[in-house]
Amino acid sequence: MGSPPPPTLNTLVILIPVALFLSVLFMTISAGNFTQDFDIMWGFDRAKILDDGEVLTLSLDNSSGSGFQSTKKYLFGSINMQLQLVSGNSAGVVTTYYLSSNDSKWDEIDFGFLGNLSGDPYIVYTNVVTEGSGNREQQFYLWFDPTTDFHTYSILWNPKRIVFAVDGSPIRVFKNLESMGIPYPNQQPMRIYCSLCNSDVDWATRGGLVKTNWSEAPFTVSYLNFDDDKSCIWSNGTSSCNSTTSWLEEGFDSASLERLRWVQNNYMIYNYCNDLERFPQGLPPECDIY
């Protein structure tokens, strides 16, 4: 399928069928506060917290991008964030929203949004990294324009599975298959990281062939309505959850599976489990299950 997708983030309109998704992923978000819940880590005044902590914006110019991280660590959680992505010609611009333990053999759960030329669709990039090893990319187009309004991007991470969702529709599931010898991220607490950066040198748009048009700068992405109410906060070696926390066992119903298949059949544009050129010695073992 051509050259491999990008590295980890750390280093068309159809009506959606009306169905109930996982009960832990909300269409109505209970908003957190960016002032209390996050620290701006780089980019200086290119990152701004507005409206008494309700909104956070990141900007990118030809000198620097910007980024922030959560003050809390999580070991499992239902994380929801609304984003309005960079509009217009966003080629070369990458927006990130991910969980990472940020250690030498790190675990990571990635959402990335790869900008494009005006009129061409954004690409949603997903990956799961365990013990420093990724290579599990799946990529999707969206069924709406993510630049005209806020949309909800969710990560459900529990001991059984990781679910990526957009506006309540699951787009990807990564199961815990430790019984098959496949590592699963369940030992390392992670923070939330978000950034806006330029990656036109290597992989952002058409493998780096399309360069960023700096005359369009500054580029800006907005974050709204962060919610971690159903999450396990990790502090001083202790989790805020216990064995009676019901969503830790949350599973899929038939309607959720139907919506997952609908998205993957219509909007998935890359699946590492189909890339025989990338894995000439054989596909990863979990590909036999998915």
C-alpha atoms as a PDB file:
ATOM      1  CA  MET A   1       0.000   0.000   0.000  1.00  0.00           C
ATOM      2  CA  GLY A   2       2.890   2.375  -0.586  1.00  0.00           C
ATOM      3  CA  SER A   3       5.084   3.891   2.078  1.00  0.00           C
ATOM      4  CA  PRO A   4       4.259   3.285   5.717  1.00  0.00           C
ATOM      5  CA  PRO A   5       2.107   5.767   7.624  1.00  0.00           C
ATOM      6  CA  PRO A   6       3.605   8.345   9.981  1.00  0.00           C
ATOM      7  CA  PRO A   7       5.353   7.651  13.273  1.00  0.00           C
ATOM      8  CA  THR A   8       3.622   7.959  16.618  1.00  0.00           C
ATOM      9  CA  LEU A   9       2.446  11.383  17.657  1.00  0.00           C
ATOM     10  CA  ASN A  10       4.812  11.417  20.543  1.00  0.00           C
ATOM     11  CA  THR A  11       8.230  11.296  18.647  1.00  0.00           C
ATOM     12  CA  LEU A  12     -18.792  13.134   1.766  1.00  0.00           C
ATOM     13  CA  VAL A  13     -21.779  13.595   3.799  1.00  0.00           C
ATOM     14  CA  ILE A  14     -24.012  10.674   4.909  1.00  0.00           C
ATOM     15  CA  LEU A  15     -26.507  10.657   7.742  1.00  0.00           C
ATOM     16  CA  ILE A  16     -25.319   8.480  10.600  1.00  0.00           C
ATOM     17  CA  PRO A  17     -27.784   5.748  11.526  1.00  0.00           C
ATOM     18  CA  VAL A  18     -29.474   6.533  14.820  1.00  0.00           C
ATOM     19  CA  ALA A  19     -28.177   3.998  17.335  1.00  0.00           C
ATOM     20  CA  LEU A  20     -27.022   3.900  20.909  1.00  0.00           C
ATOM     21  CA  PHE A  21     -23.269   3.916  21.383  1.00  0.00           C
ATOM     22  CA  LEU A  22     -21.412   2.971  24.533  1.00  0.00           C
ATOM     23  CA  SER A  23     -23.060   4.501  27.548  1.00  0.00           C
ATOM     24  CA  VAL A  24     -19.784   6.005  28.726  1.00  0.00           C
ATOM     25  CA  LEU A  25     -19.307   8.172  25.640  1.00  0.00           C
ATOM     26  CA  PHE A  26     -21.464  11.256  25.881  1.00  0.00           C
ATOM     27  CA  MET A  27     -23.085  13.315  23.173  1.00  0.00           C
ATOM     28  CA  THR A  28     -23.700  15.954  25.843  1.00  0.00           C
ATOM     29  CA  ILE A  29     -20.358  16.768  27.382  1.00  0.00           C
ATOM     30  CA  SER A  30     -19.848  17.809  30.981  1.00  0.00           C
ATOM     31  CA  ALA A  31     -17.206  20.477  30.593  1.00  0.00           C
ATOM     32  CA  GLY A  32     -13.990  20.568  32.567  1.00  0.00           C
ATOM     33  CA  ASN A  33     -11.841  23.641  32.990  1.00  0.00           C
ATOM     34  CA  PHE A  34      -8.658  24.122  30.978  1.00  0.00           C
ATOM     35  CA  THR A  35      -7.159  26.465  33.579  1.00  0.00           C
ATOM     36  CA  GLN A  36      -7.437  23.820  36.287  1.00  0.00           C
ATOM     37  CA  ASP A  37      -6.923  20.650  34.268  1.00  0.00           C
ATOM     38  CA  PHE A  38      -4.070  21.535  31.883  1.00  0.00           C
ATOM     39  CA  ASP A  39      -0.686  23.227  31.706  1.00  0.00           C
ATOM     40  CA  ILE A  40       0.560  25.019  28.607  1.00  0.00           C
ATOM     41  CA  MET A  41       3.937  23.422  27.893  1.00  0.00           C
ATOM     42  CA  TRP A  42       5.339  25.161  24.831  1.00  0.00           C
ATOM     43  CA  GLY A  43       4.605  27.827  22.260  1.00  0.00           C
ATOM     44  CA  PHE A  44       4.409  30.740  24.715  1.00  0.00           C
ATOM     45  CA  ASP A  45       1.512  33.054  23.796  1.00  0.00           C
ATOM     46  CA  ARG A  46       0.535  30.856  20.852  1.00  0.00           C
ATOM     47  CA  ALA A  47      -1.484  28.847  23.375  1.00  0.00           C
ATOM     48  CA  LYS A  48      -4.348  30.717  25.000  1.00  0.00           C
ATOM     49  CA  ILE A  49      -6.947  29.776  27.612  1.00  0.00           C
ATOM     50  CA  LEU A  50     -10.117  31.807  27.047  1.00  0.00           C
ATOM     51  CA  ASP A  51     -13.601  32.339  28.467  1.00  0.00           C
ATOM     52  CA  ASP A  52     -12.728  31.579  32.093  1.00  0.00           C
ATOM     53  CA  GLY A  53     -11.097  28.287  31.192  1.00  0.00           C
ATOM     54  CA  GLU A  54     -13.823  26.952  28.892  1.00  0.00           C
ATOM     55  CA  VAL A  55     -11.820  27.170  25.648  1.00  0.00           C
ATOM     56  CA  LEU A  56      -8.177  26.581  24.775  1.00  0.00           C
ATOM     57  CA  THR A  57      -6.678  27.590  21.429  1.00  0.00           C
ATOM     58  CA  LEU A  58      -3.349  26.585  19.909  1.00  0.00           C
ATOM     59  CA  SER A  59      -1.665  28.482  17.082  1.00  0.00           C
ATOM     60  CA  LEU A  60       1.127  27.682  14.648  1.00  0.00           C
ATOM     61  CA  ASP A  61       3.292  30.116  12.718  1.00  0.00           C
ATOM     62  CA  ASN A  62       6.565  29.703  10.846  1.00  0.00           C
ATOM     63  CA  SER A  63       8.506  30.065  14.100  1.00  0.00           C
ATOM     64  CA  SER A  64       6.736  27.593  16.372  1.00  0.00           C
ATOM     65  CA  GLY A  65       3.662  25.594  17.161  1.00  0.00           C
ATOM     66  CA  SER A  66       2.208  25.118  20.635  1.00  0.00           C
ATOM     67  CA  GLY A  67       1.005  22.447  23.006  1.00  0.00           C
ATOM     68  CA  PHE A  68      -0.433  21.590  26.410  1.00  0.00           C
ATOM     69  CA  GLN A  69      -0.731  18.592  28.725  1.00  0.00           C
ATOM     70  CA  SER A  70      -3.028  17.456  31.508  1.00  0.00           C
ATOM     71  CA  THR A  71      -2.163  18.060  35.126  1.00  0.00           C
ATOM     72  CA  LYS A  72      -3.548  14.602  35.954  1.00  0.00           C
ATOM     73  CA  LYS A  73      -2.428  11.107  35.016  1.00  0.00           C
ATOM     74  CA  TYR A  74      -4.875   8.345  34.117  1.00  0.00           C
ATOM     75  CA  LEU A  75      -4.812   4.580  34.251  1.00  0.00           C
ATOM     76  CA  PHE A  76      -7.974   3.847  32.218  1.00  0.00           C
ATOM     77  CA  GLY A  77     -10.618   6.372  31.414  1.00  0.00           C
ATOM     78  CA  SER A  78     -13.280   7.794  29.174  1.00  0.00           C
ATOM     79  CA  ILE A  79     -11.752  10.980  27.750  1.00  0.00           C
ATOM     80  CA  ASN A  80     -13.834  13.361  25.638  1.00  0.00           C
ATOM     81  CA  MET A  81     -12.705  16.563  23.929  1.00  0.00           C
ATOM     82  CA  GLN A  82     -14.371  18.788  21.362  1.00  0.00           C
ATOM     83  CA  LEU A  83     -12.144  20.215  18.627  1.00  0.00           C
ATOM     84  CA  GLN A  84     -12.613  22.656  15.784  1.00  0.00           C
ATOM     85  CA  LEU A  85      -9.766  22.038  13.361  1.00  0.00           C
ATOM     86  CA  VAL A  86      -7.734  24.467  11.252  1.00  0.00           C
ATOM     87  CA  SER A  87      -9.792  25.711   8.293  1.00  0.00           C
ATOM     88  CA  GLY A  88      -8.751  26.514   4.741  1.00  0.00           C
ATOM     89  CA  ASN A  89      -5.439  25.327   3.358  1.00  0.00           C
ATOM     90  CA  SER A  90      -4.104  23.284   6.279  1.00  0.00           C
ATOM     91  CA  ALA A  91      -1.620  21.176   4.309  1.00  0.00           C
ATOM     92  CA  GLY A  92       1.395  20.257   6.439  1.00  0.00           C
ATOM     93  CA  VAL A  93      -0.399  21.093   9.687  1.00  0.00           C
ATOM     94  CA  VAL A  94      -0.950  18.347  12.264  1.00  0.00           C
ATOM     95  CA  THR A  95      -3.295  18.613  15.257  1.00  0.00           C
ATOM     96  CA  THR A  96      -2.768  16.047  18.005  1.00  0.00           C
ATOM     97  CA  TYR A  97      -4.811  14.773  20.940  1.00  0.00           C
ATOM     98  CA  TYR A  98      -3.438  11.685  22.647  1.00  0.00           C
ATOM     99  CA  LEU A  99      -2.585   9.849  25.842  1.00  0.00           C
ATOM    100  CA  SER A 100       1.031   8.938  26.578  1.00  0.00           C
ATOM    101  CA  SER A 101       3.114   7.654  29.468  1.00  0.00           C
ATOM    102  CA  ASN A 102       6.088   9.450  27.905  1.00  0.00           C
ATOM    103  CA  ASP A 103       8.634   6.938  29.224  1.00  0.00           C
ATOM    104  CA  SER A 104      11.472   5.089  27.477  1.00  0.00           C
ATOM    105  CA  LYS A 105       9.157   2.135  26.749  1.00  0.00           C
ATOM    106  CA  TRP A 106       6.069   4.237  26.562  1.00  0.00           C
ATOM    107  CA  ASP A 107       2.420   3.423  26.026  1.00  0.00           C
ATOM    108  CA  GLU A 108       0.374   5.759  23.869  1.00  0.00           C
ATOM    109  CA  ILE A 109      -3.150   6.083  22.436  1.00  0.00           C
ATOM    110  CA  ASP A 110      -3.160   8.482  19.491  1.00  0.00           C
ATOM    111  CA  PHE A 111      -5.663  10.700  17.776  1.00  0.00           C
ATOM    112  CA  GLY A 112      -4.067  12.869  15.061  1.00  0.00           C
ATOM    113  CA  PHE A 113      -5.610  15.120  12.435  1.00  0.00           C
ATOM    114  CA  LEU A 114      -3.638  15.632   9.240  1.00  0.00           C
ATOM    115  CA  GLY A 115      -4.437  18.846   7.401  1.00  0.00           C
ATOM    116  CA  ASN A 116      -4.869  19.069   3.656  1.00  0.00           C
ATOM    117  CA  LEU A 117      -5.265  21.421   0.727  1.00  0.00           C
ATOM    118  CA  SER A 118      -8.465  23.455   0.656  1.00  0.00           C
ATOM    119  CA  GLY A 119     -11.342  21.250  -0.458  1.00  0.00           C
ATOM    120  CA  ASP A 120      -9.556  17.990   0.327  1.00  0.00           C
ATOM    121  CA  PRO A 121     -10.660  16.053   3.419  1.00  0.00           C
ATOM    122  CA  TYR A 122      -8.835  15.891   6.714  1.00  0.00           C
ATOM    123  CA  ILE A 123      -7.323  12.532   7.607  1.00  0.00           C
ATOM    124  CA  VAL A 124      -7.914  11.187  11.111  1.00  0.00           C
ATOM    125  CA  TYR A 125      -4.915   9.158  12.248  1.00  0.00           C
ATOM    126  CA  THR A 126      -5.125   6.589  15.072  1.00  0.00           C
ATOM    127  CA  ASN A 127      -2.446   4.418  16.629  1.00  0.00           C
ATOM    128  CA  VAL A 128      -1.823   2.338  19.744  1.00  0.00           C
ATOM    129  CA  VAL A 129       1.720   2.106  21.126  1.00  0.00           C
ATOM    130  CA  THR A 130       2.674  -0.484  23.721  1.00  0.00           C
ATOM    131  CA  GLU A 131       6.094  -0.657  25.386  1.00  0.00           C
ATOM    132  CA  GLY A 132       7.472   1.759  22.792  1.00  0.00           C
ATOM    133  CA  SER A 133       6.246  -0.221  19.792  1.00  0.00           C
ATOM    134  CA  GLY A 134       3.489   1.098  17.535  1.00  0.00           C
ATOM    135  CA  ASN A 135       2.988   0.284  13.855  1.00  0.00           C
ATOM    136  CA  ARG A 136      -0.759  -0.153  14.399  1.00  0.00           C
ATOM    137  CA  GLU A 137      -2.064   2.775  12.381  1.00  0.00           C
ATOM    138  CA  GLN A 138      -5.564   3.109  11.030  1.00  0.00           C
ATOM    139  CA  GLN A 139      -6.634   6.222   9.135  1.00  0.00           C
ATOM    140  CA  PHE A 140     -10.033   7.602   8.211  1.00  0.00           C
ATOM    141  CA  TYR A 141     -11.804  10.381   6.384  1.00  0.00           C
ATOM    142  CA  LEU A 142     -14.606  12.119   8.243  1.00  0.00           C
ATOM    143  CA  TRP A 143     -18.236  12.305   7.112  1.00  0.00           C
ATOM    144  CA  PHE A 144     -18.419  16.046   7.899  1.00  0.00           C
ATOM    145  CA  ASP A 145     -16.285  19.184   7.686  1.00  0.00           C
ATOM    146  CA  PRO A 146     -14.360  19.317  11.014  1.00  0.00           C
ATOM    147  CA  THR A 147     -13.408  22.979  10.526  1.00  0.00           C
ATOM    148  CA  THR A 148     -16.848  24.644  10.622  1.00  0.00           C
ATOM    149  CA  ASP A 149     -17.916  23.595  14.111  1.00  0.00           C
ATOM    150  CA  PHE A 150     -16.831  21.671  17.194  1.00  0.00           C
ATOM    151  CA  HIS A 151     -17.028  17.878  17.124  1.00  0.00           C
ATOM    152  CA  THR A 152     -16.442  15.382  19.932  1.00  0.00           C
ATOM    153  CA  TYR A 153     -13.466  13.006  19.782  1.00  0.00           C
ATOM    154  CA  SER A 154     -13.443  10.315  22.473  1.00  0.00           C
ATOM    155  CA  ILE A 155     -11.074   7.678  23.792  1.00  0.00           C
ATOM    156  CA  LEU A 156     -12.500   4.906  25.944  1.00  0.00           C
ATOM    157  CA  TRP A 157      -9.661   2.967  27.548  1.00  0.00           C
ATOM    158  CA  ASN A 158     -10.514   0.149  29.920  1.00  0.00           C
ATOM    159  CA  PRO A 159      -8.859  -3.191  30.771  1.00  0.00           C
ATOM    160  CA  LYS A 160     -10.662  -4.973  27.919  1.00  0.00           C
ATOM    161  CA  ARG A 161     -10.440  -2.597  24.988  1.00  0.00           C
ATOM    162  CA  ILE A 162      -9.623   0.825  23.594  1.00  0.00           C
ATOM    163  CA  VAL A 163     -12.350   2.523  21.568  1.00  0.00           C
ATOM    164  CA  PHE A 164     -11.811   5.592  19.390  1.00  0.00           C
ATOM    165  CA  ALA A 165     -15.039   7.482  18.649  1.00  0.00           C
ATOM    166  CA  VAL A 166     -16.147  10.574  16.748  1.00  0.00           C
ATOM    167  CA  ASP A 167     -19.396  12.286  17.757  1.00  0.00           C
ATOM    168  CA  GLY A 168     -20.381   9.095  19.564  1.00  0.00           C
ATOM    169  CA  SER A 169     -19.691   6.816  16.588  1.00  0.00           C
ATOM    170  CA  PRO A 170     -16.957   4.232  17.226  1.00  0.00           C
ATOM    171  CA  ILE A 171     -14.373   4.217  14.451  1.00  0.00           C
ATOM    172  CA  ARG A 172     -11.811   1.792  15.862  1.00  0.00           C
ATOM    173  CA  VAL A 173     -11.457  -0.870  18.566  1.00  0.00           C
ATOM    174  CA  PHE A 174      -8.188  -2.270  19.897  1.00  0.00           C
ATOM    175  CA  LYS A 175      -8.794  -5.311  22.101  1.00  0.00           C
ATOM    176  CA  ASN A 176      -6.772  -6.627  24.997  1.00  0.00           C
ATOM    177  CA  LEU A 177      -5.174  -9.748  23.533  1.00  0.00           C
ATOM    178  CA  GLU A 178      -2.500 -10.331  26.162  1.00  0.00           C
ATOM    179  CA  SER A 179      -3.561 -13.986  26.200  1.00  0.00           C
ATOM    180  CA  MET A 180      -2.034 -14.153  22.694  1.00  0.00           C
ATOM    181  CA  GLY A 181       1.193 -12.513  23.847  1.00  0.00           C
ATOM    182  CA  ILE A 182       0.236  -9.093  22.426  1.00  0.00           C
ATOM    183  CA  PRO A 183       1.088  -6.242  24.819  1.00  0.00           C
ATOM    184  CA  TYR A 184      -1.769  -4.033  25.990  1.00  0.00           C
ATOM    185  CA  PRO A 185      -1.426  -0.648  27.728  1.00  0.00           C
ATOM    186  CA  ASN A 186      -2.575  -1.376  31.274  1.00  0.00           C
ATOM    187  CA  GLN A 187       0.453  -0.757  33.497  1.00  0.00           C
ATOM    188  CA  GLN A 188       1.638   2.790  32.799  1.00  0.00           C
ATOM    189  CA  PRO A 189      -0.397   5.862  33.792  1.00  0.00           C
ATOM    190  CA  MET A 190      -0.714   8.414  30.995  1.00  0.00           C
ATOM    191  CA  ARG A 191      -1.258  12.128  30.611  1.00  0.00           C
ATOM    192  CA  ILE A 192      -3.284  13.835  27.889  1.00  0.00           C
ATOM    193  CA  TYR A 193      -1.207  15.767  25.373  1.00  0.00           C
ATOM    194  CA  CYS A 194      -2.431  18.120  22.632  1.00  0.00           C
ATOM    195  CA  SER A 195      -0.436  20.106  20.117  1.00  0.00           C
ATOM    196  CA  LEU A 196      -0.486  21.969  16.833  1.00  0.00           C
ATOM    197  CA  CYS A 197       2.673  21.607  14.759  1.00  0.00           C
ATOM    198  CA  ASN A 198       4.159  21.609  11.280  1.00  0.00           C
ATOM    199  CA  SER A 199       5.131  18.227   9.839  1.00  0.00           C
ATOM    200  CA  ASP A 200       5.436  18.942   6.125  1.00  0.00           C
ATOM    201  CA  VAL A 201       9.030  17.717   6.034  1.00  0.00           C
ATOM    202  CA  ASP A 202       8.204  14.056   6.403  1.00  0.00           C
ATOM    203  CA  TRP A 203       4.664  12.730   6.555  1.00  0.00           C
ATOM    204  CA  ALA A 204       1.842  15.198   7.140  1.00  0.00           C
ATOM    205  CA  THR A 205       0.321  15.711   3.686  1.00  0.00           C
ATOM    206  CA  ARG A 206       0.933  13.143   0.945  1.00  0.00           C
ATOM    207  CA  GLY A 207       4.101  11.957   2.619  1.00  0.00           C
ATOM    208  CA  GLY A 208       5.496  15.462   2.936  1.00  0.00           C
ATOM    209  CA  LEU A 209       5.117  16.276  -0.762  1.00  0.00           C
ATOM    210  CA  VAL A 210       2.680  19.126  -0.073  1.00  0.00           C
ATOM    211  CA  LYS A 211       4.310  21.908   1.926  1.00  0.00           C
ATOM    212  CA  THR A 212       2.792  24.300   4.414  1.00  0.00           C
ATOM    213  CA  ASN A 213       1.647  27.595   2.933  1.00  0.00           C
ATOM    214  CA  TRP A 214       2.934  30.027   5.544  1.00  0.00           C
ATOM    215  CA  SER A 215       1.063  32.923   3.963  1.00  0.00           C
ATOM    216  CA  GLU A 216      -2.028  31.327   5.570  1.00  0.00           C
ATOM    217  CA  ALA A 217      -0.473  31.489   9.061  1.00  0.00           C
ATOM    218  CA  PRO A 218      -1.182  31.713  11.887  1.00  0.00           C
ATOM    219  CA  PHE A 219      -3.103  28.442  11.899  1.00  0.00           C
ATOM    220  CA  THR A 220      -5.411  27.934  14.867  1.00  0.00           C
ATOM    221  CA  VAL A 221      -7.214  24.972  16.412  1.00  0.00           C
ATOM    222  CA  SER A 222      -9.709  25.263  19.270  1.00  0.00           C
ATOM    223  CA  TYR A 223     -10.412  22.802  22.109  1.00  0.00           C
ATOM    224  CA  LEU A 224     -13.660  22.870  24.096  1.00  0.00           C
ATOM    225  CA  ASN A 225     -15.622  20.857  26.668  1.00  0.00           C
ATOM    226  CA  PHE A 226     -12.946  18.557  28.002  1.00  0.00           C
ATOM    227  CA  ASP A 227     -14.524  15.767  30.064  1.00  0.00           C
ATOM    228  CA  ASP A 228     -12.855  13.063  32.148  1.00  0.00           C
ATOM    229  CA  ASP A 229     -15.655  12.431  34.649  1.00  0.00           C
ATOM    230  CA  LYS A 230     -15.585   8.676  34.029  1.00  0.00           C
ATOM    231  CA  SER A 231     -11.861   8.139  34.365  1.00  0.00           C
ATOM    232  CA  CYS A 232      -9.415   6.592  36.803  1.00  0.00           C
ATOM    233  CA  ILE A 233      -7.119   9.287  38.137  1.00  0.00           C
ATOM    234  CA  TRP A 234      -3.673   7.998  39.147  1.00  0.00           C
ATOM    235  CA  SER A 235      -2.009   9.752  42.042  1.00  0.00           C
ATOM    236  CA  ASN A 236       0.780   8.627  44.370  1.00  0.00           C
ATOM    237  CA  GLY A 237       0.560   5.054  43.115  1.00  0.00           C
ATOM    238  CA  THR A 238      -3.178   4.801  43.720  1.00  0.00           C
ATOM    239  CA  SER A 239      -6.169   4.769  41.355  1.00  0.00           C
ATOM    240  CA  SER A 240      -9.411   6.625  42.020  1.00  0.00           C
ATOM    241  CA  CYS A 241     -11.287   3.581  40.645  1.00  0.00           C
ATOM    242  CA  ASN A 242     -11.924   0.186  42.193  1.00  0.00           C
ATOM    243  CA  SER A 243     -13.268  -3.197  41.137  1.00  0.00           C
ATOM    244  CA  THR A 244     -16.871  -1.966  41.378  1.00  0.00           C
ATOM    245  CA  THR A 245     -16.366   0.766  38.747  1.00  0.00           C
ATOM    246  CA  SER A 246     -18.852  -0.542  36.191  1.00  0.00           C
ATOM    247  CA  TRP A 247     -17.584   1.144  33.013  1.00  0.00           C
ATOM    248  CA  LEU A 248     -14.262  -0.678  33.359  1.00  0.00           C
ATOM    249  CA  GLU A 249     -16.138  -3.732  32.029  1.00  0.00           C
ATOM    250  CA  GLU A 250     -18.121  -1.808  29.408  1.00  0.00           C
ATOM    251  CA  GLY A 251     -18.676  -3.679  26.154  1.00  0.00           C
ATOM    252  CA  PHE A 252     -20.280  -3.242  22.764  1.00  0.00           C
ATOM    253  CA  ASP A 253     -23.933  -3.752  21.911  1.00  0.00           C
ATOM    254  CA  SER A 254     -25.146  -4.738  18.439  1.00  0.00           C
ATOM    255  CA  ALA A 255     -25.966  -1.156  17.464  1.00  0.00           C
ATOM    256  CA  SER A 256     -22.450   0.014  18.335  1.00  0.00           C
ATOM    257  CA  LEU A 257     -20.922  -2.798  16.294  1.00  0.00           C
ATOM    258  CA  GLU A 258     -23.127  -1.840  13.351  1.00  0.00           C
ATOM    259  CA  ARG A 259     -21.964   1.759  13.507  1.00  0.00           C
ATOM    260  CA  LEU A 260     -18.336   0.684  13.790  1.00  0.00           C
ATOM    261  CA  ARG A 261     -18.662  -1.431  10.647  1.00  0.00           C
ATOM    262  CA  TRP A 262     -20.425   1.435   8.841  1.00  0.00           C
ATOM    263  CA  VAL A 263     -17.566   3.835   9.530  1.00  0.00           C
ATOM    264  CA  GLN A 264     -14.863   1.323   8.658  1.00  0.00           C
ATOM    265  CA  ASN A 265     -16.583   0.207   5.461  1.00  0.00           C
ATOM    266  CA  ASN A 266     -17.159   3.751   4.225  1.00  0.00           C
ATOM    267  CA  TYR A 267     -14.387   5.941   5.629  1.00  0.00           C
ATOM    268  CA  MET A 268     -11.319   3.877   6.516  1.00  0.00           C
ATOM    269  CA  ILE A 269      -8.494   4.681   4.086  1.00  0.00           C
ATOM    270  CA  TYR A 270      -5.603   2.801   5.696  1.00  0.00           C
ATOM    271  CA  ASN A 271      -5.452  -0.290   7.898  1.00  0.00           C
ATOM    272  CA  TYR A 272      -2.094  -1.723   8.935  1.00  0.00           C
ATOM    273  CA  CYS A 273      -3.707  -5.158   8.966  1.00  0.00           C
ATOM    274  CA  ASN A 274      -4.087  -4.966   5.171  1.00  0.00           C
ATOM    275  CA  ASP A 275      -0.565  -3.746   4.429  1.00  0.00           C
ATOM    276  CA  LEU A 276       1.321  -6.819   3.220  1.00  0.00           C
ATOM    277  CA  GLU A 277       4.025  -4.643   1.679  1.00  0.00           C
ATOM    278  CA  ARG A 278       4.797  -3.172   5.065  1.00  0.00           C
ATOM    279  CA  PHE A 279       4.808  -6.562   6.804  1.00  0.00           C
ATOM    280  CA  PRO A 280       6.383  -8.942   4.251  1.00  0.00           C
ATOM    281  CA  GLN A 281       7.124 -11.510   6.949  1.00  0.00           C
ATOM    282  CA  GLY A 282       3.475 -11.676   7.931  1.00  0.00           C
ATOM    283  CA  LEU A 283       0.830  -9.412   9.402  1.00  0.00           C
ATOM    284  CA  PRO A 284       0.800  -8.735  13.173  1.00  0.00           C
ATOM    285  CA  PRO A 285      -0.957 -11.563  15.031  1.00  0.00           C
ATOM    286  CA  GLU A 286      -3.890  -9.435  16.190  1.00  0.00           C
ATOM    287  CA  CYS A 287      -4.871  -8.958  12.549  1.00  0.00           C
ATOM    288  CA  ASP A 288      -6.244 -12.506  12.580  1.00  0.00           C
ATOM    289  CA  ILE A 289      -8.755 -11.413  15.238  1.00  0.00           C
ATOM    290  CA  TYR A 290      -9.942  -8.053  13.888  1.00  0.00           C
END
